Amino acid sequence: MRIFDPHIHMTSRTTDDYRAMHAAGVRALVEPAFWLGQPRTSPASFADYFDALLGWEPYRAAQFDIRHFCTIGLNPKEANDPRCTPVLDLLPRYLVKDGVVALGEIGFDTVTPAEEHAFSYQLALAVEHGLPALVHTPHRDKAGGTDRSLAVIADSGIDPGFVVLDHLNEVTVGEVVDSGCWMGFSIYPDTKMTPERMVRILQRYGTERMLVNSAADWGHSDPLLTRTTADAMLAAGFDEDEVDRVLWRNPVTFYGQSGRLDLDPETTAKTTAATSAATTREAGAAYAGNSIARGGS
């Protein structure tokens, strides 16, 4: 089994986590720029952090045969801090780097005017640089924040296929499924989503445009919950191809839109072959008039 974790904060994890992730099947990941827990006080501290995401962390991951990519952006929480907002002027320097496969995490935390300004500004940067955007949906008033996020995305003019709304759940996925945006789900030990709840969502809405991540960070989180979710999918009757689509081909397709997803040749060849085979099967099913979606998406 091969796994691509599309949202995990390895800066907060240990080398033992890398070792365990590789043993579980993780071969690639994306680490989004986020709030580190301790408030930062200047754009210079962001520059040091961004440099680590592009230098030290990919080197650390490579020791365990895992490809490390990142997203760069001003996170919504610190968008409210005037000491941090000048980092918006710093972003273009980093958005041209090879290891940057999207702009993010951006979006809303408490849905303030300052957050909306930074959100809109960074969506415009994503369009300018031809990059996908990773959007954080708020943990409080998630439904209202998701609805407002979709409105800001629509106003920005970005192709919805270049946007993933992350941290979704049963309450918010219905809003996003018809928007054309990708849908991200964070699997956590106590909060957000569980593997079993994720399986039920996939049964209802299908596997198209679905991203499953661990979002593991400095909080109570588990970097192996992508594998646990894959195993739960198999136990629920999904086949290996459907698991591969959600846990590998979907994140490769989404972040591949950046043109910078440099995977090793053997893995890329396997991904291309699997994607081509799945496309052929789906085309045949559609021709025969059969539904390829699971559970009436």
C-alpha atoms as a PDB file:
ATOM      1  CA  MET A   1       0.000   0.000   0.000  1.00  0.00           C
ATOM      2  CA  ARG A   2       1.292   3.474  -0.895  1.00  0.00           C
ATOM      3  CA  ILE A   3       0.152   6.571   0.984  1.00  0.00           C
ATOM      4  CA  PHE A   4       0.529  10.279   0.250  1.00  0.00           C
ATOM      5  CA  ASP A   5      -0.382  12.345   3.320  1.00  0.00           C
ATOM      6  CA  PRO A   6      -1.606  15.657   1.853  1.00  0.00           C
ATOM      7  CA  HIS A   7      -1.513  17.591   5.146  1.00  0.00           C
ATOM      8  CA  ILE A   8       0.878  16.783   7.985  1.00  0.00           C
ATOM      9  CA  HIS A   9       3.110  19.038  10.119  1.00  0.00           C
ATOM     10  CA  MET A  10       6.366  17.105  10.332  1.00  0.00           C
ATOM     11  CA  THR A  11       8.147  20.042  11.970  1.00  0.00           C
ATOM     12  CA  SER A  12       6.252  18.931  15.089  1.00  0.00           C
ATOM     13  CA  ARG A  13       7.094  15.227  14.722  1.00  0.00           C
ATOM     14  CA  THR A  14      10.065  13.019  15.557  1.00  0.00           C
ATOM     15  CA  THR A  15      12.334  10.892  13.390  1.00  0.00           C
ATOM     16  CA  ASP A  16      10.627   7.841  14.903  1.00  0.00           C
ATOM     17  CA  ASP A  17       7.397   9.134  13.328  1.00  0.00           C
ATOM     18  CA  TYR A  18       9.092   9.193   9.928  1.00  0.00           C
ATOM     19  CA  ARG A  19      10.271   5.623  10.459  1.00  0.00           C
ATOM     20  CA  ALA A  20       6.801   4.418  11.470  1.00  0.00           C
ATOM     21  CA  MET A  21       5.151   6.284   8.598  1.00  0.00           C
ATOM     22  CA  HIS A  22       7.430   4.637   6.043  1.00  0.00           C
ATOM     23  CA  ALA A  23       6.687   1.214   7.538  1.00  0.00           C
ATOM     24  CA  ALA A  24       2.950   2.004   7.221  1.00  0.00           C
ATOM     25  CA  GLY A  25       3.295   2.843   3.508  1.00  0.00           C
ATOM     26  CA  VAL A  26       3.763   6.624   3.502  1.00  0.00           C
ATOM     27  CA  ARG A  27       6.012   7.576   0.589  1.00  0.00           C
ATOM     28  CA  ALA A  28       5.188  11.269   0.117  1.00  0.00           C
ATOM     29  CA  LEU A  29       3.638  14.124   2.063  1.00  0.00           C
ATOM     30  CA  VAL A  30       2.802  17.812   2.007  1.00  0.00           C
ATOM     31  CA  GLU A  31       3.568  19.986   5.018  1.00  0.00           C
ATOM     32  CA  PRO A  32       1.495  23.183   5.074  1.00  0.00           C
ATOM     33  CA  ALA A  33       2.826  26.329   6.726  1.00  0.00           C
ATOM     34  CA  PHE A  34       0.780  26.850   9.913  1.00  0.00           C
ATOM     35  CA  TRP A  35       0.642  28.393  13.368  1.00  0.00           C
ATOM     36  CA  LEU A  36       3.378  26.930  15.557  1.00  0.00           C
ATOM     37  CA  GLY A  37       1.504  27.404  18.844  1.00  0.00           C
ATOM     38  CA  GLN A  38       3.759  30.166  20.140  1.00  0.00           C
ATOM     39  CA  PRO A  39       2.860  33.530  18.544  1.00  0.00           C
ATOM     40  CA  ARG A  40       5.481  34.823  16.121  1.00  0.00           C
ATOM     41  CA  THR A  41       6.457  38.455  16.412  1.00  0.00           C
ATOM     42  CA  SER A  42       7.892  39.430  13.026  1.00  0.00           C
ATOM     43  CA  PRO A  43       8.055  38.412   9.346  1.00  0.00           C
ATOM     44  CA  ALA A  44      11.668  37.340   9.930  1.00  0.00           C
ATOM     45  CA  SER A  45      10.487  34.431  12.068  1.00  0.00           C
ATOM     46  CA  PHE A  46       8.281  33.303   9.172  1.00  0.00           C
ATOM     47  CA  ALA A  47      11.264  33.463   6.816  1.00  0.00           C
ATOM     48  CA  ASP A  48      13.241  31.133   9.077  1.00  0.00           C
ATOM     49  CA  TYR A  49      10.254  28.769   9.243  1.00  0.00           C
ATOM     50  CA  PHE A  50       9.695  28.787   5.476  1.00  0.00           C
ATOM     51  CA  ASP A  51      13.400  28.118   4.921  1.00  0.00           C
ATOM     52  CA  ALA A  52      13.161  25.075   7.209  1.00  0.00           C
ATOM     53  CA  LEU A  53      10.154  23.753   5.278  1.00  0.00           C
ATOM     54  CA  LEU A  54      12.164  23.984   2.062  1.00  0.00           C
ATOM     55  CA  GLY A  55      15.525  22.828   3.369  1.00  0.00           C
ATOM     56  CA  TRP A  56      15.877  20.922   6.605  1.00  0.00           C
ATOM     57  CA  GLU A  57      12.556  19.060   6.629  1.00  0.00           C
ATOM     58  CA  PRO A  58      12.846  17.580   3.098  1.00  0.00           C
ATOM     59  CA  TYR A  59      16.353  16.426   4.041  1.00  0.00           C
ATOM     60  CA  ARG A  60      15.044  14.818   7.237  1.00  0.00           C
ATOM     61  CA  ALA A  61      12.219  13.057   5.365  1.00  0.00           C
ATOM     62  CA  ALA A  62      14.605  11.782   2.699  1.00  0.00           C
ATOM     63  CA  GLN A  63      16.509   9.803   5.327  1.00  0.00           C
ATOM     64  CA  PHE A  64      13.417   7.587   5.490  1.00  0.00           C
ATOM     65  CA  ASP A  65      12.697   7.482   1.738  1.00  0.00           C
ATOM     66  CA  ILE A  66       9.751   9.885   2.011  1.00  0.00           C
ATOM     67  CA  ARG A  67       9.326  12.773  -0.444  1.00  0.00           C
ATOM     68  CA  HIS A  68       8.547  16.011   1.378  1.00  0.00           C
ATOM     69  CA  PHE A  69       6.725  18.959  -0.228  1.00  0.00           C
ATOM     70  CA  CYS A  70       5.215  22.030   1.389  1.00  0.00           C
ATOM     71  CA  THR A  71       2.713  24.836   1.054  1.00  0.00           C
ATOM     72  CA  ILE A  72       3.592  28.416   1.922  1.00  0.00           C
ATOM     73  CA  GLY A  73       1.248  31.095   3.245  1.00  0.00           C
ATOM     74  CA  LEU A  74       0.138  33.313   6.105  1.00  0.00           C
ATOM     75  CA  ASN A  75      -2.122  31.186   8.290  1.00  0.00           C
ATOM     76  CA  PRO A  76      -5.522  32.638   9.271  1.00  0.00           C
ATOM     77  CA  LYS A  77      -4.824  32.845  13.001  1.00  0.00           C
ATOM     78  CA  GLU A  78      -1.749  35.040  12.600  1.00  0.00           C
ATOM     79  CA  ALA A  79      -3.419  37.066   9.859  1.00  0.00           C
ATOM     80  CA  ASN A  80      -5.049  38.919  12.774  1.00  0.00           C
ATOM     81  CA  ASP A  81      -1.685  40.035  14.188  1.00  0.00           C
ATOM     82  CA  PRO A  82      -0.395  43.309  12.652  1.00  0.00           C
ATOM     83  CA  ARG A  83       3.163  42.235  13.495  1.00  0.00           C
ATOM     84  CA  CYS A  84       2.776  39.262  11.138  1.00  0.00           C
ATOM     85  CA  THR A  85       0.788  40.623   8.211  1.00  0.00           C
ATOM     86  CA  PRO A  86       3.873  42.102   6.441  1.00  0.00           C
ATOM     87  CA  VAL A  87       4.759  38.472   5.664  1.00  0.00           C
ATOM     88  CA  LEU A  88       2.278  38.793   2.782  1.00  0.00           C
ATOM     89  CA  ASP A  89       4.932  40.844   0.985  1.00  0.00           C
ATOM     90  CA  LEU A  90       7.443  38.056   1.606  1.00  0.00           C
ATOM     91  CA  LEU A  91       5.386  35.276   0.005  1.00  0.00           C
ATOM     92  CA  PRO A  92       6.247  35.832  -3.692  1.00  0.00           C
ATOM     93  CA  ARG A  93       9.894  35.046  -2.908  1.00  0.00           C
ATOM     94  CA  TYR A  94       8.858  31.583  -1.698  1.00  0.00           C
ATOM     95  CA  LEU A  95       6.006  30.782  -4.068  1.00  0.00           C
ATOM     96  CA  VAL A  96       8.477  30.305  -6.941  1.00  0.00           C
ATOM     97  CA  LYS A  97      10.465  27.594  -5.096  1.00  0.00           C
ATOM     98  CA  ASP A  98      10.420  24.071  -6.524  1.00  0.00           C
ATOM     99  CA  GLY A  99       9.308  22.374  -3.302  1.00  0.00           C
ATOM    100  CA  VAL A 100       6.216  24.578  -2.924  1.00  0.00           C
ATOM    101  CA  VAL A 101       3.214  22.753  -4.394  1.00  0.00           C
ATOM    102  CA  ALA A 102       0.415  25.045  -3.136  1.00  0.00           C
ATOM    103  CA  LEU A 103      -0.367  28.224  -1.249  1.00  0.00           C
ATOM    104  CA  GLY A 104      -1.603  27.579   2.284  1.00  0.00           C
ATOM    105  CA  GLU A 105      -2.843  27.150   4.896  1.00  0.00           C
ATOM    106  CA  ILE A 106      -5.101  30.132   4.252  1.00  0.00           C
ATOM    107  CA  GLY A 107      -8.722  30.822   5.074  1.00  0.00           C
ATOM    108  CA  PHE A 108     -10.558  31.538   8.305  1.00  0.00           C
ATOM    109  CA  ASP A 109      -9.966  31.011  12.012  1.00  0.00           C
ATOM    110  CA  THR A 110     -12.542  33.305  13.646  1.00  0.00           C
ATOM    111  CA  VAL A 111     -13.822  34.888  10.404  1.00  0.00           C
ATOM    112  CA  THR A 112     -12.537  38.441  10.941  1.00  0.00           C
ATOM    113  CA  PRO A 113     -12.088  41.187   8.327  1.00  0.00           C
ATOM    114  CA  ALA A 114      -8.304  40.832   8.671  1.00  0.00           C
ATOM    115  CA  GLU A 115      -8.532  37.109   7.944  1.00  0.00           C
ATOM    116  CA  GLU A 116     -10.740  37.723   4.917  1.00  0.00           C
ATOM    117  CA  HIS A 117      -8.305  40.311   3.534  1.00  0.00           C
ATOM    118  CA  ALA A 118      -5.366  37.904   3.863  1.00  0.00           C
ATOM    119  CA  PHE A 119      -7.470  35.077   2.421  1.00  0.00           C
ATOM    120  CA  SER A 120      -8.491  37.054  -0.682  1.00  0.00           C
ATOM    121  CA  TYR A 121      -5.001  38.480  -1.169  1.00  0.00           C
ATOM    122  CA  GLN A 122      -3.413  35.030  -1.072  1.00  0.00           C
ATOM    123  CA  LEU A 123      -5.973  33.501  -3.424  1.00  0.00           C
ATOM    124  CA  ALA A 124      -4.946  36.208  -5.901  1.00  0.00           C
ATOM    125  CA  LEU A 125      -1.304  35.187  -5.399  1.00  0.00           C
ATOM    126  CA  ALA A 126      -2.253  31.555  -6.055  1.00  0.00           C
ATOM    127  CA  VAL A 127      -3.871  32.561  -9.338  1.00  0.00           C
ATOM    128  CA  GLU A 128      -0.868  34.704 -10.281  1.00  0.00           C
ATOM    129  CA  HIS A 129       1.585  31.850  -9.626  1.00  0.00           C
ATOM    130  CA  GLY A 130      -0.599  29.076 -11.052  1.00  0.00           C
ATOM    131  CA  LEU A 131      -0.655  27.234  -7.718  1.00  0.00           C
ATOM    132  CA  PRO A 132      -3.375  25.281  -5.919  1.00  0.00           C
ATOM    133  CA  ALA A 133      -4.659  26.670  -2.613  1.00  0.00           C
ATOM    134  CA  LEU A 134      -5.099  24.807   0.681  1.00  0.00           C
ATOM    135  CA  VAL A 135      -7.945  26.397   2.666  1.00  0.00           C
ATOM    136  CA  HIS A 136      -8.351  25.920   6.416  1.00  0.00           C
ATOM    137  CA  THR A 137     -11.983  25.848   7.546  1.00  0.00           C
ATOM    138  CA  PRO A 138     -12.522  27.180  11.093  1.00  0.00           C
ATOM    139  CA  HIS A 139     -13.027  24.867  14.038  1.00  0.00           C
ATOM    140  CA  ARG A 140     -15.670  27.184  15.536  1.00  0.00           C
ATOM    141  CA  ASP A 141     -18.821  27.878  13.501  1.00  0.00           C
ATOM    142  CA  LYS A 142     -17.491  25.485  10.879  1.00  0.00           C
ATOM    143  CA  ALA A 143     -20.674  25.616   8.814  1.00  0.00           C
ATOM    144  CA  GLY A 144     -20.732  29.423   8.673  1.00  0.00           C
ATOM    145  CA  GLY A 145     -17.000  29.625   8.052  1.00  0.00           C
ATOM    146  CA  THR A 146     -17.169  27.062   5.250  1.00  0.00           C
ATOM    147  CA  ASP A 147     -20.039  28.925   3.608  1.00  0.00           C
ATOM    148  CA  ARG A 148     -18.110  32.207   3.781  1.00  0.00           C
ATOM    149  CA  SER A 149     -14.973  30.478   2.466  1.00  0.00           C
ATOM    150  CA  LEU A 150     -16.842  29.265  -0.597  1.00  0.00           C
ATOM    151  CA  ALA A 151     -18.102  32.817  -1.230  1.00  0.00           C
ATOM    152  CA  VAL A 152     -14.569  34.273  -1.020  1.00  0.00           C
ATOM    153  CA  ILE A 153     -13.264  31.541  -3.330  1.00  0.00           C
ATOM    154  CA  ALA A 154     -16.021  32.239  -5.861  1.00  0.00           C
ATOM    155  CA  ASP A 155     -15.283  35.985  -5.774  1.00  0.00           C
ATOM    156  CA  SER A 156     -11.554  35.415  -6.280  1.00  0.00           C
ATOM    157  CA  GLY A 157     -11.920  33.893  -9.739  1.00  0.00           C
ATOM    158  CA  ILE A 158      -9.652  30.943  -8.938  1.00  0.00           C
ATOM    159  CA  ASP A 159     -10.540  27.663 -10.621  1.00  0.00           C
ATOM    160  CA  PRO A 160     -12.353  25.662  -7.886  1.00  0.00           C
ATOM    161  CA  GLY A 161     -10.460  22.583  -9.049  1.00  0.00           C
ATOM    162  CA  PHE A 162      -7.329  24.325  -7.717  1.00  0.00           C
ATOM    163  CA  VAL A 163      -8.783  24.637  -4.188  1.00  0.00           C
ATOM    164  CA  VAL A 164      -9.127  22.138  -1.355  1.00  0.00           C
ATOM    165  CA  LEU A 165     -11.231  23.009   1.676  1.00  0.00           C
ATOM    166  CA  ASP A 166      -9.708  21.122   4.570  1.00  0.00           C
ATOM    167  CA  HIS A 167     -10.913  19.935   7.989  1.00  0.00           C
ATOM    168  CA  LEU A 168     -14.387  19.184   6.645  1.00  0.00           C
ATOM    169  CA  ASN A 169     -16.906  16.939   8.393  1.00  0.00           C
ATOM    170  CA  GLU A 170     -20.418  15.566   7.966  1.00  0.00           C
ATOM    171  CA  VAL A 171     -21.935  19.020   8.503  1.00  0.00           C
ATOM    172  CA  THR A 172     -19.882  20.825   5.848  1.00  0.00           C
ATOM    173  CA  VAL A 173     -19.051  18.304   3.124  1.00  0.00           C
ATOM    174  CA  GLY A 174     -22.460  18.708   1.496  1.00  0.00           C
ATOM    175  CA  GLU A 175     -21.782  22.412   0.921  1.00  0.00           C
ATOM    176  CA  VAL A 176     -18.519  21.680  -0.864  1.00  0.00           C
ATOM    177  CA  VAL A 177     -19.341  18.603  -2.926  1.00  0.00           C
ATOM    178  CA  ASP A 178     -21.137  20.561  -5.664  1.00  0.00           C
ATOM    179  CA  SER A 179     -18.716  23.513  -5.664  1.00  0.00           C
ATOM    180  CA  GLY A 180     -16.023  21.883  -7.796  1.00  0.00           C
ATOM    181  CA  CYS A 181     -13.506  22.303  -4.957  1.00  0.00           C
ATOM    182  CA  TRP A 182     -11.612  19.384  -3.482  1.00  0.00           C
ATOM    183  CA  MET A 183     -12.605  18.092  -0.044  1.00  0.00           C
ATOM    184  CA  GLY A 184     -10.064  17.473   2.724  1.00  0.00           C
ATOM    185  CA  PHE A 185     -10.633  15.526   5.942  1.00  0.00           C
ATOM    186  CA  SER A 186      -8.306  15.389   8.944  1.00  0.00           C
ATOM    187  CA  ILE A 187      -8.349  12.142  10.911  1.00  0.00           C
ATOM    188  CA  TYR A 188      -7.680  12.747  14.607  1.00  0.00           C
ATOM    189  CA  PRO A 189      -7.721  10.624  17.774  1.00  0.00           C
ATOM    190  CA  ASP A 190     -10.344  12.670  19.651  1.00  0.00           C
ATOM    191  CA  THR A 191     -11.559  15.519  17.426  1.00  0.00           C
ATOM    192  CA  LYS A 192     -12.246  16.314  13.758  1.00  0.00           C
ATOM    193  CA  MET A 193     -12.854  12.948  11.995  1.00  0.00           C
ATOM    194  CA  THR A 194     -12.425   9.274  12.865  1.00  0.00           C
ATOM    195  CA  PRO A 195     -11.587   6.556  10.317  1.00  0.00           C
ATOM    196  CA  GLU A 196     -15.074   5.090  10.714  1.00  0.00           C
ATOM    197  CA  ARG A 197     -16.804   8.430  10.087  1.00  0.00           C
ATOM    198  CA  MET A 198     -14.543   9.012   7.098  1.00  0.00           C
ATOM    199  CA  VAL A 199     -15.570   5.663   5.617  1.00  0.00           C
ATOM    200  CA  ARG A 200     -19.244   6.586   5.942  1.00  0.00           C
ATOM    201  CA  ILE A 201     -18.628   9.871   4.109  1.00  0.00           C
ATOM    202  CA  LEU A 202     -16.837   8.026   1.301  1.00  0.00           C
ATOM    203  CA  GLN A 203     -19.697   5.541   1.096  1.00  0.00           C
ATOM    204  CA  ARG A 204     -22.173   8.394   0.722  1.00  0.00           C
ATOM    205  CA  TYR A 205     -20.265  10.818  -1.511  1.00  0.00           C
ATOM    206  CA  GLY A 206     -17.789   8.616  -3.375  1.00  0.00           C
ATOM    207  CA  THR A 207     -14.018   8.944  -3.746  1.00  0.00           C
ATOM    208  CA  GLU A 208     -13.748  11.747  -6.329  1.00  0.00           C
ATOM    209  CA  ARG A 209     -11.909  14.898  -5.146  1.00  0.00           C
ATOM    210  CA  MET A 210     -11.496  13.412  -1.653  1.00  0.00           C
ATOM    211  CA  LEU A 211      -8.268  13.933   0.330  1.00  0.00           C
ATOM    212  CA  VAL A 212      -7.633  12.162   3.635  1.00  0.00           C
ATOM    213  CA  ASN A 213      -4.874  13.443   5.913  1.00  0.00           C
ATOM    214  CA  SER A 214      -3.554  13.065   9.445  1.00  0.00           C
ATOM    215  CA  ALA A 215      -2.819  16.798   9.952  1.00  0.00           C
ATOM    216  CA  ALA A 216      -0.528  15.538  12.703  1.00  0.00           C
ATOM    217  CA  ASP A 217       1.066  18.410  14.624  1.00  0.00           C
ATOM    218  CA  TRP A 218       2.116  19.363  18.150  1.00  0.00           C
ATOM    219  CA  GLY A 219      -1.319  18.476  19.550  1.00  0.00           C
ATOM    220  CA  HIS A 220      -2.825  15.083  20.294  1.00  0.00           C
ATOM    221  CA  SER A 221      -2.568  13.574  16.830  1.00  0.00           C
ATOM    222  CA  ASP A 222      -1.413  10.415  15.066  1.00  0.00           C
ATOM    223  CA  PRO A 223       0.632  10.398  11.823  1.00  0.00           C
ATOM    224  CA  LEU A 224      -0.461   6.807  11.083  1.00  0.00           C
ATOM    225  CA  LEU A 225      -4.199   7.505  10.875  1.00  0.00           C
ATOM    226  CA  THR A 226      -4.008   7.674   7.084  1.00  0.00           C
ATOM    227  CA  ARG A 227      -3.069   3.979   7.114  1.00  0.00           C
ATOM    228  CA  THR A 228      -5.773   3.241   9.706  1.00  0.00           C
ATOM    229  CA  THR A 229      -8.330   4.897   7.431  1.00  0.00           C
ATOM    230  CA  ALA A 230      -7.105   2.880   4.447  1.00  0.00           C
ATOM    231  CA  ASP A 231      -7.511  -0.330   6.450  1.00  0.00           C
ATOM    232  CA  ALA A 232     -10.999   0.781   7.557  1.00  0.00           C
ATOM    233  CA  MET A 233     -11.936   1.364   3.903  1.00  0.00           C
ATOM    234  CA  LEU A 234     -10.860  -2.162   2.993  1.00  0.00           C
ATOM    235  CA  ALA A 235     -12.760  -3.626   5.945  1.00  0.00           C
ATOM    236  CA  ALA A 236     -15.894  -1.745   4.818  1.00  0.00           C
ATOM    237  CA  GLY A 237     -15.771  -3.234   1.324  1.00  0.00           C
ATOM    238  CA  PHE A 238     -13.804  -0.680  -0.695  1.00  0.00           C
ATOM    239  CA  ASP A 239     -11.352  -2.365  -3.034  1.00  0.00           C
ATOM    240  CA  GLU A 240      -7.612  -1.715  -3.263  1.00  0.00           C
ATOM    241  CA  ASP A 241      -8.030   0.546  -6.291  1.00  0.00           C
ATOM    242  CA  GLU A 242     -10.461   2.809  -4.426  1.00  0.00           C
ATOM    243  CA  VAL A 243      -8.094   2.974  -1.468  1.00  0.00           C
ATOM    244  CA  ASP A 244      -5.196   3.834  -3.779  1.00  0.00           C
ATOM    245  CA  ARG A 245      -7.284   6.558  -5.386  1.00  0.00           C
ATOM    246  CA  VAL A 246      -8.068   8.275  -2.060  1.00  0.00           C
ATOM    247  CA  LEU A 247      -4.720   7.727  -0.335  1.00  0.00           C
ATOM    248  CA  TRP A 248      -2.414   8.239  -3.318  1.00  0.00           C
ATOM    249  CA  ARG A 249      -3.783   9.250  -6.719  1.00  0.00           C
ATOM    250  CA  ASN A 250      -6.078  12.012  -5.450  1.00  0.00           C
ATOM    251  CA  PRO A 251      -3.338  13.989  -3.637  1.00  0.00           C
ATOM    252  CA  VAL A 252      -0.959  13.386  -6.548  1.00  0.00           C
ATOM    253  CA  THR A 253      -3.585  14.777  -8.934  1.00  0.00           C
ATOM    254  CA  PHE A 254      -4.409  17.805  -6.765  1.00  0.00           C
ATOM    255  CA  TYR A 255      -0.866  18.906  -5.929  1.00  0.00           C
ATOM    256  CA  GLY A 256       0.398  17.835  -9.337  1.00  0.00           C
ATOM    257  CA  GLN A 257      -1.423  20.841 -10.739  1.00  0.00           C
ATOM    258  CA  SER A 258       1.491  22.909  -9.407  1.00  0.00           C
ATOM    259  CA  GLY A 259       3.834  21.287 -11.942  1.00  0.00           C
ATOM    260  CA  ARG A 260       6.308  20.711  -9.094  1.00  0.00           C
ATOM    261  CA  LEU A 261       5.358  17.327  -7.694  1.00  0.00           C
ATOM    262  CA  ASP A 262       8.684  15.624  -8.312  1.00  0.00           C
ATOM    263  CA  LEU A 263       8.186  12.001  -7.270  1.00  0.00           C
ATOM    264  CA  ASP A 264      10.782   9.318  -7.914  1.00  0.00           C
ATOM    265  CA  PRO A 265      10.520   7.732 -11.397  1.00  0.00           C
ATOM    266  CA  GLU A 266       9.420   4.281 -10.179  1.00  0.00           C
ATOM    267  CA  THR A 267       6.638   5.679  -8.006  1.00  0.00           C
ATOM    268  CA  THR A 268       5.559   8.106 -10.721  1.00  0.00           C
ATOM    269  CA  ALA A 269       5.380   5.298 -13.286  1.00  0.00           C
ATOM    270  CA  LYS A 270       3.226   3.213 -10.965  1.00  0.00           C
ATOM    271  CA  THR A 271       0.985   6.200 -10.286  1.00  0.00           C
ATOM    272  CA  THR A 272       0.603   6.972 -13.994  1.00  0.00           C
ATOM    273  CA  ALA A 273      -0.213   3.346 -14.802  1.00  0.00           C
ATOM    274  CA  ALA A 274      -2.738   3.099 -11.974  1.00  0.00           C
ATOM    275  CA  THR A 275      -4.375   6.384 -12.975  1.00  0.00           C
ATOM    276  CA  SER A 276      -4.621   5.308 -16.618  1.00  0.00           C
ATOM    277  CA  ALA A 277      -6.097   1.946 -15.659  1.00  0.00           C
ATOM    278  CA  ALA A 278      -8.645   3.576 -13.361  1.00  0.00           C
ATOM    279  CA  THR A 279      -9.623   6.067 -16.080  1.00  0.00           C
ATOM    280  CA  THR A 280     -10.140   3.228 -18.565  1.00  0.00           C
ATOM    281  CA  ARG A 281     -12.314   1.313 -16.118  1.00  0.00           C
ATOM    282  CA  GLU A 282     -14.385   4.401 -15.299  1.00  0.00           C
ATOM    283  CA  ALA A 283     -14.874   5.217 -18.966  1.00  0.00           C
ATOM    284  CA  GLY A 284     -16.079   1.672 -19.606  1.00  0.00           C
ATOM    285  CA  ALA A 285     -18.446   1.803 -16.663  1.00  0.00           C
ATOM    286  CA  ALA A 286     -19.864   5.129 -17.823  1.00  0.00           C
ATOM    287  CA  TYR A 287     -20.344   3.746 -21.356  1.00  0.00           C
ATOM    288  CA  ALA A 288     -22.244   0.791 -19.964  1.00  0.00           C
ATOM    289  CA  GLY A 289     -24.497   3.151 -18.066  1.00  0.00           C
ATOM    290  CA  ASN A 290     -23.259   2.030 -14.680  1.00  0.00           C
ATOM    291  CA  SER A 291     -22.717   4.389 -11.742  1.00  0.00           C
ATOM    292  CA  ILE A 292     -19.137   4.443 -10.548  1.00  0.00           C
ATOM    293  CA  ALA A 293     -19.935   6.464  -7.432  1.00  0.00           C
ATOM    294  CA  ARG A 294     -20.503   4.701  -4.148  1.00  0.00           C
ATOM    295  CA  GLY A 295     -23.616   5.454  -2.118  1.00  0.00           C
ATOM    296  CA  GLY A 296     -25.386   7.984  -4.342  1.00  0.00           C
ATOM    297  CA  SER A 297     -22.963  10.888  -4.481  1.00  0.00           C
END
